[in-house]
Amino acid sequence: MVRGTTDAHEPQAERIDLPDADVVFYRSFFSGDESDRFFEELTTHAAWKQERIKYYGKVMDLPRQTAWYGDEGKSYVYSGIRVDPQPWTATLLTIKRRVESVSEVTFNSVLLNLYRHGRDSVAWHSDDEPDLGPDPVIGSVSFGETRTFWFRHRRDHSLRFKIELPHGSYLLMRGQTQHFWVHQIPKTTRHCEPRINLTFRVIKEVRSVRPNPQGFI
């Protein structure tokens, strides 16, 4: 299901063959040394927050910590939460420019997620908030522990695909992927060291806070 292509000037790109989707995976986008350095810097210096959301009438902690960075004015609304951007750091700008070199887009914001252990997770959802406009481009970088990333087709739930996201990898989702597919990082009972995920985005228009329509955490 994964087909590899090689370019002498870029990390190896693997196109994931999913119907109604445009997904490219770079298994080793950053070197081991770069990945170690970025992981340490983000773990120590990112402005991590513990957000709380209303989930089926109950207020609870998100099962992960988050941080939001971006261009001035690029606030983001998701799961009933509105977050205002922290200014870009040198580390985040370095990572951003690297992923932009293969993404054919200029990102203006990034959501950081810290999965501290196997109990931290994100439920089935798609990154299709109106703020992101039609056919959003989502660039997902992983540092730290390898976690399993699942895709599931919205219309045919028997269509599923999983991929392991290792230290230094980059997963690029574009086209109609968010319209037709949802994704998740499930909880796991195995011992997990921390993982940091960065999802780069392009905010088109900032809207007011809305409820959590998908009911996901």
Protein backbone atom coordinates (compact mmCIF):
# COMPACT_ATOMS: atom_id res chain seq x y z
CA MET A 1 0.00 0.00 0.00
CA VAL A 2 3.04 2.25 0.34
CA ARG A 3 5.12 3.04 -2.74
CA GLY A 4 8.56 4.62 -2.38
CA THR A 5 10.05 7.25 -4.71
CA THR A 6 13.54 8.68 -4.49
CA ASP A 7 14.84 12.19 -5.18
CA ALA A 8 18.55 12.87 -4.75
CA HIS A 9 17.85 16.30 -3.27
CA GLU A 10 15.08 15.31 -0.83
CA PRO A 11 14.36 12.67 1.82
CA GLN A 12 12.65 9.59 0.42
CA ALA A 13 8.95 10.13 -0.25
CA GLU A 14 6.48 7.25 0.12
CA ARG A 15 3.04 7.81 -1.38
CA ILE A 16 0.30 6.14 0.66
CA ASP A 17 -2.24 4.67 -1.73
CA LEU A 18 -5.60 5.52 -0.14
CA PRO A 19 -8.76 6.20 -2.18
CA ASP A 20 -10.05 9.79 -2.01
CA ALA A 21 -6.79 10.98 -0.43
CA ASP A 22 -3.42 12.55 -1.19
CA VAL A 23 -0.95 11.43 1.48
CA VAL A 24 2.86 11.39 1.31
CA PHE A 25 5.10 9.99 4.04
CA TYR A 26 8.77 10.77 4.73
CA ARG A 27 9.95 8.13 7.17
CA SER A 28 13.29 9.82 7.97
CA PHE A 29 12.73 13.45 7.06
CA PHE A 30 15.08 14.77 9.75
CA SER A 31 18.39 13.18 10.74
CA GLY A 32 18.72 11.43 14.07
CA ASP A 33 20.85 14.24 15.53
CA GLU A 34 18.42 16.92 14.33
CA SER A 35 15.46 14.99 15.69
CA ASP A 36 17.10 14.53 19.09
CA ARG A 37 17.93 18.24 19.30
CA PHE A 38 14.47 19.40 18.22
CA PHE A 39 12.78 16.98 20.63
CA GLU A 40 14.84 18.23 23.56
CA GLU A 41 14.29 21.90 22.70
CA LEU A 42 10.54 21.51 22.26
CA THR A 43 10.13 19.39 25.38
CA THR A 44 11.95 21.98 27.47
CA HIS A 45 10.91 25.29 25.93
CA ALA A 46 7.50 24.96 24.22
CA ALA A 47 4.62 26.78 25.95
CA TRP A 48 2.75 23.60 26.90
CA LYS A 49 -0.79 23.93 28.26
CA GLN A 50 -3.33 21.49 29.65
CA GLU A 51 -6.55 22.39 27.84
CA ARG A 52 -9.98 21.33 29.10
CA ILE A 53 -13.00 20.66 26.91
CA LYS A 54 -16.66 19.83 27.32
CA TYR A 55 -17.22 16.24 26.23
CA TYR A 56 -20.80 14.96 26.22
CA GLY A 57 -21.70 17.46 28.93
CA LYS A 58 -18.66 16.71 31.10
CA VAL A 59 -15.64 19.00 31.43
CA MET A 60 -12.39 17.05 31.24
CA ASP A 61 -8.70 17.39 30.44
CA LEU A 62 -7.51 16.71 26.92
CA PRO A 63 -5.48 13.48 27.06
CA ARG A 64 -2.34 15.32 25.92
CA GLN A 65 -0.75 18.75 26.33
CA THR A 66 -0.77 21.32 23.55
CA ALA A 67 0.85 24.55 22.38
CA TRP A 68 -0.16 26.86 19.51
CA TYR A 69 2.28 29.01 17.53
CA GLY A 70 1.83 31.09 14.40
CA ASP A 71 1.73 34.38 12.59
CA GLU A 72 0.18 37.29 14.43
CA GLY A 73 -3.62 37.09 14.47
CA LYS A 74 -3.76 33.43 13.42
CA SER A 75 -5.87 32.15 16.30
CA TYR A 76 -7.37 28.69 15.95
CA VAL A 77 -10.65 27.15 17.03
CA TYR A 78 -10.95 23.38 17.57
CA SER A 79 -12.97 21.14 19.91
CA GLY A 80 -14.71 24.22 21.32
CA ILE A 81 -11.35 25.79 22.25
CA ARG A 82 -9.99 29.06 20.89
CA VAL A 83 -6.21 29.43 21.13
CA ASP A 84 -4.17 32.53 20.34
CA PRO A 85 -0.72 32.06 18.80
CA GLN A 86 2.58 32.29 20.57
CA PRO A 87 5.21 33.93 18.31
CA TRP A 88 7.37 31.61 16.24
CA THR A 89 10.58 30.40 17.87
CA ALA A 90 13.83 29.88 15.97
CA THR A 91 13.46 26.10 16.33
CA LEU A 92 9.91 26.07 14.98
CA LEU A 93 10.85 28.32 12.05
CA THR A 94 13.70 25.96 11.16
CA ILE A 95 11.35 22.96 11.17
CA LYS A 96 8.68 24.91 9.26
CA ARG A 97 11.02 25.93 6.45
CA ARG A 98 12.26 22.38 6.08
CA VAL A 99 8.80 20.85 5.69
CA GLU A 100 7.67 23.68 3.40
CA SER A 101 10.46 22.70 1.00
CA VAL A 102 8.50 19.55 0.05
CA SER A 103 4.94 20.67 0.81
CA GLU A 104 4.34 23.32 -1.89
CA VAL A 105 2.67 25.59 0.68
CA THR A 106 3.66 28.27 3.19
CA PHE A 107 2.32 27.36 6.62
CA ASN A 108 1.25 30.16 8.98
CA SER A 109 0.61 28.18 12.17
CA VAL A 110 1.38 24.96 14.01
CA LEU A 111 -0.33 22.94 16.74
CA LEU A 112 2.05 21.04 19.02
CA ASN A 113 0.84 17.95 20.88
CA LEU A 114 2.76 16.29 23.71
CA TYR A 115 1.84 12.64 24.27
CA ARG A 116 3.43 11.97 27.65
CA HIS A 117 2.72 8.22 27.82
CA GLY A 118 0.56 5.53 26.27
CA ARG A 119 -2.59 6.85 27.94
CA ASP A 120 -2.33 10.12 26.00
CA SER A 121 -4.16 9.98 22.69
CA VAL A 122 -6.37 11.74 20.17
CA ALA A 123 -9.69 10.23 19.09
CA TRP A 124 -11.08 9.87 15.56
CA HIS A 125 -11.34 13.26 13.86
CA SER A 126 -10.45 15.16 10.72
CA ASP A 127 -8.69 18.51 10.46
CA ASP A 128 -11.50 20.16 8.51
CA GLU A 129 -12.40 23.20 10.62
CA PRO A 130 -13.76 26.12 8.53
CA ASP A 131 -10.75 28.19 9.60
CA LEU A 132 -8.57 25.94 7.42
CA GLY A 133 -10.52 26.55 4.22
CA PRO A 134 -11.32 23.96 1.53
CA ASP A 135 -8.91 21.07 0.94
CA PRO A 136 -6.57 21.94 3.83
CA VAL A 137 -2.91 20.97 3.75
CA ILE A 138 -1.76 19.40 7.03
CA GLY A 139 1.92 18.71 7.62
CA SER A 140 2.56 16.39 10.58
CA VAL A 141 6.05 16.02 12.11
CA SER A 142 6.85 13.46 14.83
CA PHE A 143 9.68 13.46 17.36
CA GLY A 144 10.21 10.99 20.18
CA GLU A 145 8.38 7.71 20.74
CA THR A 146 6.93 5.91 17.71
CA ARG A 147 3.12 5.84 17.86
CA THR A 148 0.55 4.21 15.59
CA PHE A 149 -1.47 6.54 13.34
CA TRP A 150 -4.77 5.18 12.00
CA PHE A 151 -6.80 6.32 8.98
CA ARG A 152 -10.48 5.38 8.59
CA HIS A 153 -12.73 6.27 5.64
CA ARG A 154 -15.76 8.35 6.62
CA ARG A 155 -18.22 6.44 4.41
CA ASP A 156 -16.82 2.92 4.55
CA HIS A 157 -15.48 2.15 8.03
CA SER A 158 -14.03 -1.12 6.77
CA LEU A 159 -11.43 0.94 4.91
CA ARG A 160 -8.65 1.44 7.45
CA PHE A 161 -4.93 1.90 7.25
CA LYS A 162 -2.31 2.24 9.95
CA ILE A 163 1.21 3.60 9.82
CA GLU A 164 3.93 3.90 12.44
CA LEU A 165 5.22 7.48 12.87
CA PRO A 166 8.85 7.26 14.02
CA HIS A 167 11.26 9.87 15.39
CA GLY A 168 11.97 12.49 12.69
CA SER A 169 9.19 11.49 10.28
CA TYR A 170 6.91 13.77 8.25
CA LEU A 171 3.37 12.91 7.10
CA LEU A 172 1.81 15.26 4.53
CA MET A 173 -1.97 15.21 4.00
CA ARG A 174 -3.58 17.37 1.31
CA GLY A 175 -6.29 17.46 -1.35
CA GLN A 176 -9.57 15.94 -0.15
CA THR A 177 -7.99 13.75 2.52
CA GLN A 178 -9.72 15.56 5.41
CA HIS A 179 -13.11 15.37 3.65
CA PHE A 180 -13.05 11.61 3.21
CA TRP A 181 -10.86 10.32 6.02
CA VAL A 182 -10.63 10.62 9.79
CA HIS A 183 -7.53 9.73 11.80
CA GLN A 184 -6.49 8.96 15.37
CA ILE A 185 -3.61 8.15 17.70
CA PRO A 186 -5.15 5.52 20.01
CA LYS A 187 -4.23 4.81 23.60
CA THR A 188 -1.92 1.86 24.15
CA THR A 189 -1.15 -0.36 27.12
CA ARG A 190 2.51 -0.74 26.16
CA HIS A 191 5.11 1.44 27.83
CA CYS A 192 5.65 4.62 25.82
CA GLU A 193 8.18 7.37 26.20
CA PRO A 194 7.01 10.93 25.36
CA ARG A 195 6.19 11.89 21.77
CA ILE A 196 5.86 15.38 20.30
CA ASN A 197 3.75 15.94 17.20
CA LEU A 198 3.69 19.18 15.22
CA THR A 199 0.81 19.70 12.79
CA PHE A 200 1.50 22.63 10.49
CA ARG A 201 -1.52 24.37 9.00
CA VAL A 202 -2.70 27.35 6.98
CA ILE A 203 -5.35 29.39 8.80
CA LYS A 204 -7.55 31.10 6.22
CA GLU A 205 -10.05 32.87 8.46
CA VAL A 206 -10.39 33.00 12.23
CA ARG A 207 -13.91 32.26 13.43
CA SER A 208 -15.66 32.41 16.77
CA VAL A 209 -15.64 29.54 19.27
CA ARG A 210 -17.98 26.72 18.28
CA PRO A 211 -19.06 23.64 20.19
CA ASN A 212 -17.15 20.39 19.84
CA PRO A 213 -19.18 19.04 16.88
CA GLN A 214 -17.32 15.76 16.46
CA GLY A 215 -17.28 15.04 20.19
CA PHE A 216 -13.65 14.00 20.10
CA ILE A 217 -10.85 14.40 22.61
